[in-house]
Amino acid sequence: MGSEQIDIYNANLEPLGSMERIQAHRQGEWHRTFHCWIVSNEDDGALLLQKRADTMRNFPGLLDVSAAGHLEAGEPIMAGLREVAEELGLTVEPENLHHLGERVEVADQSNGQRNREYQSVFLYRCDRDLADYRPAVDEVAALVWLPVTAGMDLFTEKTDHLVLHGHTFERSGGARWEEFSLPVTRDSFLPRIQRYYLTTLIMAERLLSNAGPLAIS
């Protein structure tokens, strides 16, 4: 099986060709990713977070977008929906997504990776119970709900601690998903310079109240 190829761009999102994914990150090449946030009426409005597996190469054990991933070379943006299917076990039709726009993220990691990403960000309203999800246990250690109001308090520093509720994969005792509670702080989340989590919470609140427009940058 060959290495994963991704399209690379200049800072104006003009295509430059393709490159092996790890090399593109090491060289800090601009590329595109797909982000899908699940929004639910759970707890009077909540965002779904995935807790990255401890075996993940990047940011193990941290809370992140409901489902996200890189686009392979030549793929259109909507091909990113496979990440929702692979990571969460959900089938989502493109017409049910709410496109917030393109978000720019620049970050350098201690492992040598240089992230230069244009992230296509979407919201998806889904009120199904977590028991209906089929997460990929090699990537996703847990799924938890972040209530909109409590999340806003956390990311505006009105509080420093929350206890989130969801499902975690218990490998012992029959290897199954179980309900659990997870104490978190802002350090529990994948680090980002911009106020991405707060902005997404605001957009989730607007979606649930049928307000518009919806946008992110």
N, C-alpha and C. Protein backbone atom coordinates (compact mmCIF):
# COMPACT_ATOMS: atom_id res chain seq x y z
N MET A 1 0.85 -1.19 0.00
CA MET A 1 0.00 0.00 0.00
C MET A 1 0.88 1.24 0.00
N GLY A 2 0.64 2.19 -0.92
CA GLY A 2 1.45 3.38 -1.03
C GLY A 2 1.17 4.37 0.07
N SER A 3 2.07 5.36 0.21
CA SER A 3 1.88 6.39 1.22
C SER A 3 0.74 7.31 0.80
N GLU A 4 0.12 7.96 1.79
CA GLU A 4 -1.02 8.83 1.52
C GLU A 4 -0.56 10.13 0.88
N GLN A 5 -1.14 10.45 -0.27
CA GLN A 5 -0.83 11.68 -0.97
C GLN A 5 -1.94 12.71 -0.72
N ILE A 6 -1.53 13.96 -0.48
CA ILE A 6 -2.51 15.04 -0.31
C ILE A 6 -2.15 16.18 -1.24
N ASP A 7 -3.14 16.96 -1.62
CA ASP A 7 -2.90 18.14 -2.45
C ASP A 7 -2.30 19.24 -1.59
N ILE A 8 -1.37 20.00 -2.16
CA ILE A 8 -0.77 21.12 -1.44
C ILE A 8 -1.05 22.41 -2.22
N TYR A 9 -1.01 23.53 -1.50
CA TYR A 9 -1.43 24.82 -2.04
C TYR A 9 -0.47 25.90 -1.58
N ASN A 10 -0.59 27.09 -2.20
CA ASN A 10 0.08 28.25 -1.62
C ASN A 10 -0.88 28.90 -0.62
N ALA A 11 -0.48 29.99 -0.01
CA ALA A 11 -1.30 30.63 1.02
C ALA A 11 -2.59 31.22 0.47
N ASN A 12 -2.70 31.34 -0.85
CA ASN A 12 -3.92 31.83 -1.48
C ASN A 12 -4.86 30.70 -1.89
N LEU A 13 -4.54 29.49 -1.44
CA LEU A 13 -5.31 28.29 -1.75
C LEU A 13 -5.31 27.98 -3.25
N GLU A 14 -4.21 28.31 -3.89
CA GLU A 14 -4.01 27.95 -5.29
C GLU A 14 -3.19 26.67 -5.35
N PRO A 15 -3.63 25.67 -6.11
CA PRO A 15 -2.99 24.35 -6.09
C PRO A 15 -1.56 24.37 -6.64
N LEU A 16 -0.70 23.58 -5.97
CA LEU A 16 0.71 23.48 -6.36
C LEU A 16 1.09 22.06 -6.76
N GLY A 17 0.17 21.11 -6.57
CA GLY A 17 0.48 19.71 -6.85
C GLY A 17 0.11 18.84 -5.67
N SER A 18 0.77 17.72 -5.51
CA SER A 18 0.50 16.82 -4.40
C SER A 18 1.80 16.38 -3.76
N MET A 19 1.70 15.85 -2.55
CA MET A 19 2.88 15.46 -1.78
C MET A 19 2.47 14.41 -0.75
N GLU A 20 3.42 13.59 -0.35
CA GLU A 20 3.15 12.62 0.71
C GLU A 20 2.80 13.37 1.99
N ARG A 21 1.80 12.90 2.70
CA ARG A 21 1.21 13.65 3.82
C ARG A 21 2.23 14.02 4.90
N ILE A 22 3.01 13.07 5.36
CA ILE A 22 3.95 13.36 6.44
C ILE A 22 5.00 14.37 5.98
N GLN A 23 5.46 14.23 4.74
CA GLN A 23 6.43 15.18 4.20
C GLN A 23 5.84 16.58 4.13
N ALA A 24 4.56 16.66 3.71
CA ALA A 24 3.89 17.96 3.62
C ALA A 24 3.84 18.64 4.98
N HIS A 25 3.60 17.86 6.02
CA HIS A 25 3.57 18.43 7.37
C HIS A 25 4.96 18.84 7.82
N ARG A 26 5.95 18.06 7.51
CA ARG A 26 7.31 18.40 7.92
C ARG A 26 7.80 19.68 7.25
N GLN A 27 7.36 19.89 6.00
CA GLN A 27 7.80 21.07 5.25
C GLN A 27 6.87 22.26 5.45
N GLY A 28 5.77 22.07 6.16
CA GLY A 28 4.85 23.17 6.39
C GLY A 28 4.09 23.60 5.15
N GLU A 29 3.70 22.62 4.32
CA GLU A 29 2.95 22.94 3.12
C GLU A 29 1.46 23.14 3.44
N TRP A 30 0.85 24.11 2.79
CA TRP A 30 -0.59 24.33 2.97
C TRP A 30 -1.37 23.17 2.35
N HIS A 31 -2.41 22.72 3.07
CA HIS A 31 -3.25 21.64 2.58
C HIS A 31 -4.65 21.79 3.16
N ARG A 32 -5.57 20.92 2.77
CA ARG A 32 -6.97 21.06 3.19
C ARG A 32 -7.39 19.90 4.07
N THR A 33 -8.24 20.20 5.06
CA THR A 33 -8.83 19.19 5.91
C THR A 33 -10.33 19.44 6.05
N PHE A 34 -11.02 18.44 6.55
CA PHE A 34 -12.47 18.45 6.70
C PHE A 34 -12.80 18.33 8.19
N HIS A 35 -13.62 19.24 8.72
CA HIS A 35 -14.05 19.20 10.12
C HIS A 35 -15.59 19.14 10.18
N CYS A 36 -16.11 18.18 10.89
CA CYS A 36 -17.56 18.08 11.08
C CYS A 36 -17.87 18.03 12.57
N TRP A 37 -18.65 19.00 13.04
CA TRP A 37 -19.08 19.06 14.43
C TRP A 37 -20.53 18.56 14.53
N ILE A 38 -20.76 17.60 15.41
CA ILE A 38 -22.11 17.10 15.65
C ILE A 38 -22.76 17.98 16.72
N VAL A 39 -23.95 18.47 16.42
CA VAL A 39 -24.70 19.33 17.33
C VAL A 39 -25.99 18.61 17.71
N SER A 40 -26.33 18.63 19.01
CA SER A 40 -27.50 17.91 19.49
C SER A 40 -28.26 18.74 20.52
N ASN A 41 -29.52 18.38 20.74
CA ASN A 41 -30.31 18.98 21.81
C ASN A 41 -29.95 18.42 23.18
N GLU A 42 -29.02 17.48 23.23
CA GLU A 42 -28.56 16.90 24.49
C GLU A 42 -28.18 18.02 25.47
N ASP A 43 -28.63 17.91 26.72
CA ASP A 43 -28.31 18.93 27.75
C ASP A 43 -28.71 20.34 27.30
N ASP A 44 -29.85 20.44 26.63
CA ASP A 44 -30.34 21.74 26.13
C ASP A 44 -29.40 22.37 25.11
N GLY A 45 -28.67 21.54 24.40
CA GLY A 45 -27.75 22.01 23.37
C GLY A 45 -26.33 21.62 23.69
N ALA A 46 -25.70 20.83 22.82
CA ALA A 46 -24.35 20.36 23.10
C ALA A 46 -23.60 20.04 21.81
N LEU A 47 -22.27 20.10 21.91
CA LEU A 47 -21.37 19.66 20.84
C LEU A 47 -20.79 18.31 21.22
N LEU A 48 -20.65 17.43 20.22
CA LEU A 48 -20.01 16.15 20.47
C LEU A 48 -18.51 16.28 20.28
N LEU A 49 -17.74 15.79 21.25
CA LEU A 49 -16.29 15.78 21.18
C LEU A 49 -15.80 14.34 21.13
N GLN A 50 -14.75 14.11 20.38
CA GLN A 50 -14.09 12.81 20.46
C GLN A 50 -12.82 12.96 21.29
N LYS A 51 -12.56 11.95 22.11
CA LYS A 51 -11.31 11.88 22.86
C LYS A 51 -10.37 10.99 22.06
N ARG A 52 -9.28 11.56 21.61
CA ARG A 52 -8.36 10.83 20.76
C ARG A 52 -7.71 9.68 21.52
N ALA A 53 -7.54 8.55 20.84
CA ALA A 53 -6.94 7.38 21.47
C ALA A 53 -5.52 7.70 21.92
N ASP A 54 -5.08 7.03 22.98
CA ASP A 54 -3.74 7.25 23.50
C ASP A 54 -2.65 6.78 22.54
N THR A 55 -3.03 5.99 21.54
CA THR A 55 -2.05 5.48 20.58
C THR A 55 -1.88 6.40 19.37
N MET A 56 -2.65 7.49 19.29
CA MET A 56 -2.56 8.39 18.15
C MET A 56 -1.20 9.09 18.13
N ARG A 57 -0.65 9.28 16.92
CA ARG A 57 0.66 9.92 16.78
C ARG A 57 0.62 11.38 17.20
N ASN A 58 -0.46 12.05 16.89
CA ASN A 58 -0.58 13.47 17.21
C ASN A 58 -1.64 13.70 18.27
N PHE A 59 -1.30 14.43 19.31
CA PHE A 59 -2.22 14.84 20.37
C PHE A 59 -3.01 13.68 20.99
N PRO A 60 -2.32 12.61 21.40
CA PRO A 60 -3.03 11.48 22.02
C PRO A 60 -3.76 11.89 23.29
N GLY A 61 -4.96 11.34 23.46
CA GLY A 61 -5.72 11.52 24.69
C GLY A 61 -6.42 12.85 24.84
N LEU A 62 -6.32 13.74 23.85
CA LEU A 62 -6.95 15.06 23.96
C LEU A 62 -8.31 15.08 23.27
N LEU A 63 -9.14 16.02 23.69
CA LEU A 63 -10.47 16.20 23.10
C LEU A 63 -10.35 17.02 21.82
N ASP A 64 -11.17 16.65 20.83
CA ASP A 64 -11.04 17.27 19.52
C ASP A 64 -12.41 17.33 18.83
N VAL A 65 -12.40 17.79 17.57
CA VAL A 65 -13.60 17.87 16.73
C VAL A 65 -14.31 16.52 16.68
N SER A 66 -15.64 16.54 16.53
CA SER A 66 -16.42 15.30 16.47
C SER A 66 -15.81 14.32 15.47
N ALA A 67 -15.53 14.80 14.26
CA ALA A 67 -14.88 13.98 13.23
C ALA A 67 -14.10 14.90 12.31
N ALA A 68 -12.89 14.52 11.96
CA ALA A 68 -12.06 15.37 11.11
C ALA A 68 -11.01 14.52 10.42
N GLY A 69 -10.50 15.04 9.29
CA GLY A 69 -9.45 14.31 8.60
C GLY A 69 -8.95 15.04 7.38
N HIS A 70 -7.88 14.53 6.81
CA HIS A 70 -7.28 15.10 5.62
C HIS A 70 -8.01 14.62 4.37
N LEU A 71 -8.00 15.46 3.35
CA LEU A 71 -8.49 15.08 2.04
C LEU A 71 -7.33 14.50 1.24
N GLU A 72 -7.56 13.38 0.59
CA GLU A 72 -6.52 12.79 -0.24
C GLU A 72 -6.42 13.53 -1.57
N ALA A 73 -5.31 13.35 -2.23
CA ALA A 73 -5.06 14.07 -3.48
C ALA A 73 -6.20 13.87 -4.47
N GLY A 74 -6.70 14.98 -5.01
CA GLY A 74 -7.75 14.93 -6.01
C GLY A 74 -9.17 14.86 -5.47
N GLU A 75 -9.32 14.75 -4.16
CA GLU A 75 -10.66 14.61 -3.60
C GLU A 75 -11.35 15.96 -3.42
N PRO A 76 -12.68 16.00 -3.64
CA PRO A 76 -13.45 17.20 -3.31
C PRO A 76 -13.70 17.27 -1.81
N ILE A 77 -14.14 18.42 -1.34
CA ILE A 77 -14.36 18.63 0.09
C ILE A 77 -15.30 17.58 0.68
N MET A 78 -16.39 17.28 -0.02
CA MET A 78 -17.40 16.38 0.54
C MET A 78 -16.90 14.95 0.71
N ALA A 79 -15.76 14.62 0.12
CA ALA A 79 -15.18 13.31 0.36
C ALA A 79 -14.80 13.15 1.84
N GLY A 80 -14.66 14.28 2.52
CA GLY A 80 -14.34 14.24 3.95
C GLY A 80 -15.43 13.61 4.79
N LEU A 81 -16.63 13.45 4.24
CA LEU A 81 -17.71 12.80 4.98
C LEU A 81 -17.36 11.37 5.38
N ARG A 82 -16.39 10.77 4.69
CA ARG A 82 -15.99 9.42 5.08
C ARG A 82 -15.43 9.40 6.49
N GLU A 83 -14.88 10.56 6.94
CA GLU A 83 -14.33 10.62 8.30
C GLU A 83 -15.44 10.45 9.33
N VAL A 84 -16.62 10.99 9.03
CA VAL A 84 -17.76 10.83 9.96
C VAL A 84 -18.16 9.36 10.01
N ALA A 85 -18.18 8.70 8.85
CA ALA A 85 -18.53 7.29 8.81
C ALA A 85 -17.47 6.43 9.50
N GLU A 86 -16.19 6.70 9.22
CA GLU A 86 -15.12 5.88 9.77
C GLU A 86 -14.92 6.10 11.26
N GLU A 87 -14.97 7.35 11.71
CA GLU A 87 -14.67 7.65 13.11
C GLU A 87 -15.87 7.49 14.03
N LEU A 88 -17.08 7.77 13.51
CA LEU A 88 -18.27 7.76 14.36
C LEU A 88 -19.29 6.70 13.98
N GLY A 89 -19.17 6.11 12.79
CA GLY A 89 -20.15 5.12 12.36
C GLY A 89 -21.46 5.72 11.91
N LEU A 90 -21.45 7.00 11.49
CA LEU A 90 -22.65 7.68 11.03
C LEU A 90 -22.58 7.93 9.53
N THR A 91 -23.71 7.75 8.86
CA THR A 91 -23.82 8.11 7.45
C THR A 91 -24.53 9.45 7.36
N VAL A 92 -23.88 10.42 6.74
CA VAL A 92 -24.41 11.78 6.66
C VAL A 92 -24.52 12.18 5.19
N GLU A 93 -25.66 12.72 4.81
CA GLU A 93 -25.85 13.21 3.46
C GLU A 93 -25.36 14.66 3.37
N PRO A 94 -24.68 15.02 2.30
CA PRO A 94 -24.12 16.38 2.17
C PRO A 94 -25.14 17.49 2.35
N GLU A 95 -26.37 17.27 1.91
CA GLU A 95 -27.38 18.33 2.00
C GLU A 95 -27.81 18.62 3.43
N ASN A 96 -27.43 17.76 4.38
CA ASN A 96 -27.78 17.98 5.79
C ASN A 96 -26.69 18.70 6.57
N LEU A 97 -25.61 19.04 5.89
CA LEU A 97 -24.52 19.77 6.53
C LEU A 97 -24.75 21.28 6.44
N HIS A 98 -24.24 22.00 7.43
CA HIS A 98 -24.25 23.45 7.43
C HIS A 98 -22.79 23.92 7.33
N HIS A 99 -22.43 24.51 6.19
CA HIS A 99 -21.06 24.90 5.94
C HIS A 99 -20.77 26.24 6.61
N LEU A 100 -19.79 26.27 7.50
CA LEU A 100 -19.41 27.50 8.19
C LEU A 100 -18.32 28.27 7.45
N GLY A 101 -17.68 27.62 6.49
CA GLY A 101 -16.63 28.28 5.74
C GLY A 101 -15.27 27.66 5.97
N GLU A 102 -14.24 28.41 5.56
CA GLU A 102 -12.86 27.93 5.66
C GLU A 102 -12.17 28.58 6.85
N ARG A 103 -11.54 27.75 7.64
CA ARG A 103 -10.79 28.24 8.80
C ARG A 103 -9.31 27.98 8.56
N VAL A 104 -8.46 28.96 8.89
CA VAL A 104 -7.01 28.82 8.72
C VAL A 104 -6.38 28.47 10.06
N GLU A 105 -5.55 27.43 10.06
CA GLU A 105 -4.83 27.08 11.29
C GLU A 105 -3.35 26.92 10.99
N VAL A 106 -2.55 27.60 11.78
CA VAL A 106 -1.09 27.52 11.68
C VAL A 106 -0.55 27.14 13.04
N ALA A 107 0.23 26.06 13.10
CA ALA A 107 0.79 25.62 14.37
C ALA A 107 2.00 24.74 14.11
N ASP A 108 3.00 24.86 14.97
CA ASP A 108 4.18 23.99 14.92
C ASP A 108 4.17 23.10 16.15
N GLN A 109 4.39 21.79 15.93
CA GLN A 109 4.34 20.82 17.02
C GLN A 109 5.75 20.42 17.45
N SER A 110 5.83 19.91 18.66
CA SER A 110 7.12 19.51 19.21
C SER A 110 7.71 18.31 18.49
N ASN A 111 6.88 17.54 17.77
CA ASN A 111 7.38 16.37 17.05
C ASN A 111 7.90 16.72 15.65
N GLY A 112 7.97 18.01 15.33
CA GLY A 112 8.50 18.44 14.06
C GLY A 112 7.47 18.74 13.00
N GLN A 113 6.20 18.44 13.26
CA GLN A 113 5.16 18.73 12.29
C GLN A 113 4.86 20.23 12.27
N ARG A 114 4.64 20.74 11.07
CA ARG A 114 4.28 22.15 10.88
C ARG A 114 2.93 22.16 10.17
N ASN A 115 1.90 22.52 10.90
CA ASN A 115 0.55 22.51 10.35
C ASN A 115 0.23 23.84 9.66
N ARG A 116 -0.15 23.75 8.41
CA ARG A 116 -0.60 24.90 7.62
C ARG A 116 -1.87 24.43 6.91
N GLU A 117 -3.01 24.62 7.55
CA GLU A 117 -4.24 24.00 7.08
C GLU A 117 -5.33 25.02 6.74
N TYR A 118 -6.03 24.73 5.66
CA TYR A 118 -7.34 25.33 5.41
C TYR A 118 -8.37 24.27 5.79
N GLN A 119 -9.13 24.56 6.83
CA GLN A 119 -10.10 23.60 7.37
C GLN A 119 -11.51 23.98 6.91
N SER A 120 -12.15 23.09 6.17
CA SER A 120 -13.55 23.29 5.79
C SER A 120 -14.41 22.80 6.94
N VAL A 121 -15.13 23.72 7.58
CA VAL A 121 -15.84 23.42 8.84
C VAL A 121 -17.34 23.32 8.59
N PHE A 122 -17.94 22.26 9.12
CA PHE A 122 -19.37 22.01 8.97
C PHE A 122 -20.00 21.68 10.32
N LEU A 123 -21.28 22.03 10.46
CA LEU A 123 -22.11 21.56 11.56
C LEU A 123 -23.11 20.56 11.03
N TYR A 124 -23.42 19.55 11.85
CA TYR A 124 -24.43 18.56 11.50
C TYR A 124 -25.31 18.32 12.71
N ARG A 125 -26.60 18.58 12.55
CA ARG A 125 -27.56 18.37 13.64
C ARG A 125 -27.94 16.90 13.71
N CYS A 126 -27.70 16.27 14.86
CA CYS A 126 -28.01 14.85 15.04
C CYS A 126 -28.42 14.63 16.49
N ASP A 127 -29.66 14.19 16.69
CA ASP A 127 -30.16 13.98 18.05
C ASP A 127 -30.22 12.50 18.44
N ARG A 128 -29.49 11.66 17.72
CA ARG A 128 -29.46 10.24 18.05
C ARG A 128 -28.69 10.01 19.35
N ASP A 129 -29.06 8.97 20.06
CA ASP A 129 -28.37 8.60 21.29
C ASP A 129 -26.97 8.11 20.98
N LEU A 130 -26.03 8.33 21.90
CA LEU A 130 -24.66 7.88 21.67
C LEU A 130 -24.57 6.37 21.50
N ALA A 131 -25.53 5.64 22.04
CA ALA A 131 -25.52 4.18 21.88
C ALA A 131 -25.66 3.78 20.42
N ASP A 132 -26.16 4.69 19.57
CA ASP A 132 -26.31 4.40 18.14
C ASP A 132 -25.04 4.65 17.35
N TYR A 133 -24.05 5.28 17.96
CA TYR A 133 -22.80 5.55 17.27
C TYR A 133 -21.92 4.29 17.29
N ARG A 134 -21.06 4.18 16.29
CA ARG A 134 -20.14 3.05 16.22
C ARG A 134 -18.72 3.61 15.99
N PRO A 135 -18.12 4.16 17.04
CA PRO A 135 -16.81 4.80 16.88
C PRO A 135 -15.71 3.80 16.52
N ALA A 136 -14.68 4.31 15.86
CA ALA A 136 -13.50 3.51 15.52
C ALA A 136 -12.59 3.45 16.75
N VAL A 137 -12.52 2.29 17.38
CA VAL A 137 -11.84 2.20 18.68
C VAL A 137 -10.33 2.39 18.56
N ASP A 138 -9.77 2.24 17.36
CA ASP A 138 -8.32 2.46 17.21
C ASP A 138 -7.97 3.93 17.16
N GLU A 139 -8.98 4.79 16.92
CA GLU A 139 -8.75 6.23 16.86
C GLU A 139 -9.47 7.00 17.97
N VAL A 140 -10.63 6.51 18.36
CA VAL A 140 -11.51 7.24 19.28
C VAL A 140 -11.62 6.47 20.59
N ALA A 141 -11.11 7.07 21.67
CA ALA A 141 -11.17 6.41 22.98
C ALA A 141 -12.50 6.66 23.68
N ALA A 142 -13.16 7.80 23.34
CA ALA A 142 -14.41 8.15 24.01
C ALA A 142 -15.12 9.22 23.20
N LEU A 143 -16.43 9.31 23.43
CA LEU A 143 -17.25 10.39 22.89
C LEU A 143 -17.96 11.04 24.07
N VAL A 144 -17.90 12.38 24.14
CA VAL A 144 -18.54 13.09 25.25
C VAL A 144 -19.28 14.31 24.71
N TRP A 145 -20.31 14.71 25.42
CA TRP A 145 -21.07 15.91 25.07
C TRP A 145 -20.52 17.11 25.83
N LEU A 146 -20.31 18.21 25.12
CA LEU A 146 -19.94 19.48 25.74
C LEU A 146 -21.15 20.39 25.68
N PRO A 147 -21.87 20.58 26.80
CA PRO A 147 -23.04 21.48 26.78
C PRO A 147 -22.64 22.88 26.34
N VAL A 148 -23.48 23.49 25.52
CA VAL A 148 -23.14 24.79 24.94
C VAL A 148 -22.89 25.84 26.02
N THR A 149 -23.79 25.98 26.97
CA THR A 149 -23.64 27.02 27.99
C THR A 149 -22.42 26.77 28.86
N ALA A 150 -22.25 25.54 29.31
CA ALA A 150 -21.10 25.22 30.16
C ALA A 150 -19.80 25.37 29.37
N GLY A 151 -19.82 25.00 28.09
CA GLY A 151 -18.63 25.15 27.26
C GLY A 151 -18.24 26.60 27.09
N MET A 152 -19.24 27.47 26.91
CA MET A 152 -18.96 28.91 26.81
C MET A 152 -18.34 29.42 28.10
N ASP A 153 -18.82 28.95 29.24
CA ASP A 153 -18.24 29.36 30.52
C ASP A 153 -16.79 28.91 30.62
N LEU A 154 -16.49 27.71 30.12
CA LEU A 154 -15.12 27.20 30.18
C LEU A 154 -14.19 28.03 29.31
N PHE A 155 -14.61 28.34 28.09
CA PHE A 155 -13.72 29.01 27.15
C PHE A 155 -13.75 30.53 27.25
N THR A 156 -14.60 31.07 28.13
CA THR A 156 -14.51 32.48 28.48
C THR A 156 -13.93 32.64 29.89
N GLU A 157 -13.45 31.53 30.45
CA GLU A 157 -12.75 31.49 31.73
C GLU A 157 -13.63 31.89 32.91
N LYS A 158 -14.94 31.70 32.76
CA LYS A 158 -15.83 31.87 33.91
C LYS A 158 -15.73 30.68 34.85
N THR A 159 -15.28 29.55 34.31
CA THR A 159 -14.99 28.37 35.11
C THR A 159 -13.75 27.71 34.55
N ASP A 160 -13.08 26.92 35.36
CA ASP A 160 -11.86 26.24 34.93
C ASP A 160 -12.03 24.74 34.80
N HIS A 161 -13.15 24.21 35.29
CA HIS A 161 -13.35 22.76 35.32
C HIS A 161 -14.78 22.42 34.92
N LEU A 162 -14.93 21.32 34.20
CA LEU A 162 -16.23 20.76 33.88
C LEU A 162 -16.17 19.25 34.04
N VAL A 163 -17.33 18.63 34.20
CA VAL A 163 -17.44 17.17 34.12
C VAL A 163 -18.36 16.86 32.96
N LEU A 164 -17.81 16.21 31.94
CA LEU A 164 -18.57 15.87 30.75
C LEU A 164 -19.02 14.41 30.81
N HIS A 165 -20.09 14.10 30.08
CA HIS A 165 -20.66 12.75 30.13
C HIS A 165 -20.73 12.19 28.72
N GLY A 166 -20.52 10.88 28.63
CA GLY A 166 -20.57 10.23 27.33
C GLY A 166 -20.30 8.75 27.42
N HIS A 167 -19.65 8.20 26.40
CA HIS A 167 -19.33 6.78 26.33
C HIS A 167 -17.83 6.62 26.12
N THR A 168 -17.25 5.63 26.80
CA THR A 168 -15.85 5.29 26.61
C THR A 168 -15.73 3.81 26.29
N PHE A 169 -14.65 3.43 25.60
CA PHE A 169 -14.47 2.03 25.24
C PHE A 169 -13.67 1.33 26.32
N GLU A 170 -14.28 0.34 26.93
CA GLU A 170 -13.65 -0.45 27.99
C GLU A 170 -13.14 -1.75 27.37
N ARG A 171 -11.83 -1.91 27.29
CA ARG A 171 -11.26 -3.07 26.61
C ARG A 171 -11.34 -4.34 27.45
N SER A 172 -11.38 -4.20 28.76
CA SER A 172 -11.50 -5.37 29.62
C SER A 172 -12.97 -5.71 29.83
N GLY A 173 -13.24 -6.85 30.36
CA GLY A 173 -14.61 -7.24 30.69
C GLY A 173 -15.52 -7.35 29.49
N GLY A 174 -15.00 -7.84 28.35
CA GLY A 174 -15.85 -8.04 27.19
C GLY A 174 -15.69 -6.99 26.11
N ALA A 175 -14.81 -5.99 26.32
CA ALA A 175 -14.53 -4.96 25.32
C ALA A 175 -15.81 -4.33 24.79
N ARG A 176 -16.31 -3.32 25.48
CA ARG A 176 -17.59 -2.71 25.11
C ARG A 176 -17.56 -1.22 25.43
N TRP A 177 -18.52 -0.49 24.84
CA TRP A 177 -18.70 0.92 25.14
C TRP A 177 -19.55 1.07 26.39
N GLU A 178 -19.11 1.93 27.31
CA GLU A 178 -19.82 2.12 28.57
C GLU A 178 -20.00 3.60 28.84
N GLU A 179 -21.06 3.95 29.56
CA GLU A 179 -21.26 5.33 29.98
C GLU A 179 -20.20 5.71 31.01
N PHE A 180 -19.74 6.97 30.94
CA PHE A 180 -18.75 7.42 31.92
C PHE A 180 -18.80 8.94 32.03
N SER A 181 -18.08 9.45 33.03
CA SER A 181 -17.96 10.89 33.24
C SER A 181 -16.49 11.27 33.15
N LEU A 182 -16.21 12.43 32.57
CA LEU A 182 -14.84 12.84 32.32
C LEU A 182 -14.60 14.25 32.84
N PRO A 183 -13.81 14.43 33.90
CA PRO A 183 -13.44 15.78 34.35
C PRO A 183 -12.49 16.42 33.33
N VAL A 184 -12.75 17.68 32.96
CA VAL A 184 -11.90 18.33 31.96
C VAL A 184 -11.58 19.76 32.38
N THR A 185 -10.48 20.27 31.82
CA THR A 185 -10.11 21.68 31.88
C THR A 185 -9.84 22.12 30.44
N ARG A 186 -9.47 23.36 30.24
CA ARG A 186 -9.12 23.81 28.88
C ARG A 186 -7.91 23.06 28.34
N ASP A 187 -7.05 22.56 29.22
CA ASP A 187 -5.88 21.81 28.78
C ASP A 187 -6.24 20.42 28.29
N SER A 188 -7.49 19.99 28.47
CA SER A 188 -7.93 18.69 27.99
C SER A 188 -8.20 18.69 26.49
N PHE A 189 -8.21 19.88 25.87
CA PHE A 189 -8.55 20.02 24.47
C PHE A 189 -7.30 20.17 23.61
N LEU A 190 -7.39 19.69 22.38
CA LEU A 190 -6.30 19.91 21.44
C LEU A 190 -6.02 21.41 21.37
N PRO A 191 -4.77 21.83 21.56
CA PRO A 191 -4.48 23.27 21.66
C PRO A 191 -4.65 23.99 20.33
N ARG A 192 -5.27 25.17 20.40
CA ARG A 192 -5.45 26.01 19.22
C ARG A 192 -5.30 27.47 19.65
N ILE A 193 -4.63 28.26 18.82
CA ILE A 193 -4.39 29.66 19.15
C ILE A 193 -5.69 30.45 19.08
N GLN A 194 -6.46 30.24 18.01
CA GLN A 194 -7.72 30.96 17.86
C GLN A 194 -8.79 30.39 18.78
N ARG A 195 -9.88 31.12 18.96
CA ARG A 195 -10.94 30.69 19.88
C ARG A 195 -11.94 29.80 19.12
N TYR A 196 -11.39 28.74 18.56
CA TYR A 196 -12.17 27.86 17.70
C TYR A 196 -13.32 27.21 18.47
N TYR A 197 -13.05 26.69 19.66
CA TYR A 197 -14.09 25.99 20.41
C TYR A 197 -15.22 26.94 20.81
N LEU A 198 -14.86 28.12 21.26
CA LEU A 198 -15.88 29.09 21.66
C LEU A 198 -16.73 29.50 20.45
N THR A 199 -16.07 29.78 19.33
CA THR A 199 -16.81 30.19 18.14
C THR A 199 -17.74 29.09 17.66
N THR A 200 -17.30 27.85 17.71
CA THR A 200 -18.15 26.74 17.29
C THR A 200 -19.33 26.58 18.23
N LEU A 201 -19.13 26.77 19.51
CA LEU A 201 -20.24 26.72 20.46
C LEU A 201 -21.28 27.79 20.15
N ILE A 202 -20.82 28.98 19.80
CA ILE A 202 -21.75 30.07 19.44
C ILE A 202 -22.54 29.70 18.19
N MET A 203 -21.87 29.12 17.20
CA MET A 203 -22.55 28.71 15.97
C MET A 203 -23.53 27.55 16.25
N ALA A 204 -23.17 26.65 17.15
CA ALA A 204 -24.08 25.55 17.52
C ALA A 204 -25.34 26.10 18.17
N GLU A 205 -25.17 27.08 19.04
CA GLU A 205 -26.33 27.69 19.70
C GLU A 205 -27.23 28.35 18.66
N ARG A 206 -26.65 29.01 17.68
CA ARG A 206 -27.44 29.65 16.63
C ARG A 206 -28.16 28.62 15.77
N LEU A 207 -27.49 27.53 15.46
CA LEU A 207 -28.13 26.48 14.67
C LEU A 207 -29.33 25.90 15.41
N LEU A 208 -29.17 25.60 16.69
CA LEU A 208 -30.25 25.00 17.47
C LEU A 208 -31.43 25.95 17.66
N SER A 209 -31.17 27.26 17.60
CA SER A 209 -32.26 28.23 17.75
C SER A 209 -32.77 28.72 16.41
N ASN A 210 -32.32 28.05 15.32
CA ASN A 210 -32.74 28.39 13.95
C ASN A 210 -32.39 29.83 13.58
N ALA A 211 -31.27 30.30 14.11
CA ALA A 211 -30.79 31.65 13.79
C ALA A 211 -29.76 31.55 12.66
N GLY A 212 -29.57 32.62 11.96
CA GLY A 212 -28.57 32.66 10.90
C GLY A 212 -28.10 34.09 10.70
N PRO A 213 -27.07 34.27 9.92
CA PRO A 213 -26.28 33.25 9.23
C PRO A 213 -25.28 32.56 10.15
N LEU A 214 -24.66 31.51 9.62
CA LEU A 214 -23.64 30.74 10.35
C LEU A 214 -22.32 30.89 9.62
N ALA A 215 -21.25 31.19 10.34
CA ALA A 215 -19.97 31.37 9.68
C ALA A 215 -18.83 31.20 10.68
N ILE A 216 -17.63 30.93 10.16
CA ILE A 216 -16.44 30.80 10.99
C ILE A 216 -15.26 31.26 10.15
N SER A 217 -14.18 31.68 10.82
CA SER A 217 -12.97 32.04 10.08
C SER A 217 -11.76 31.81 10.97
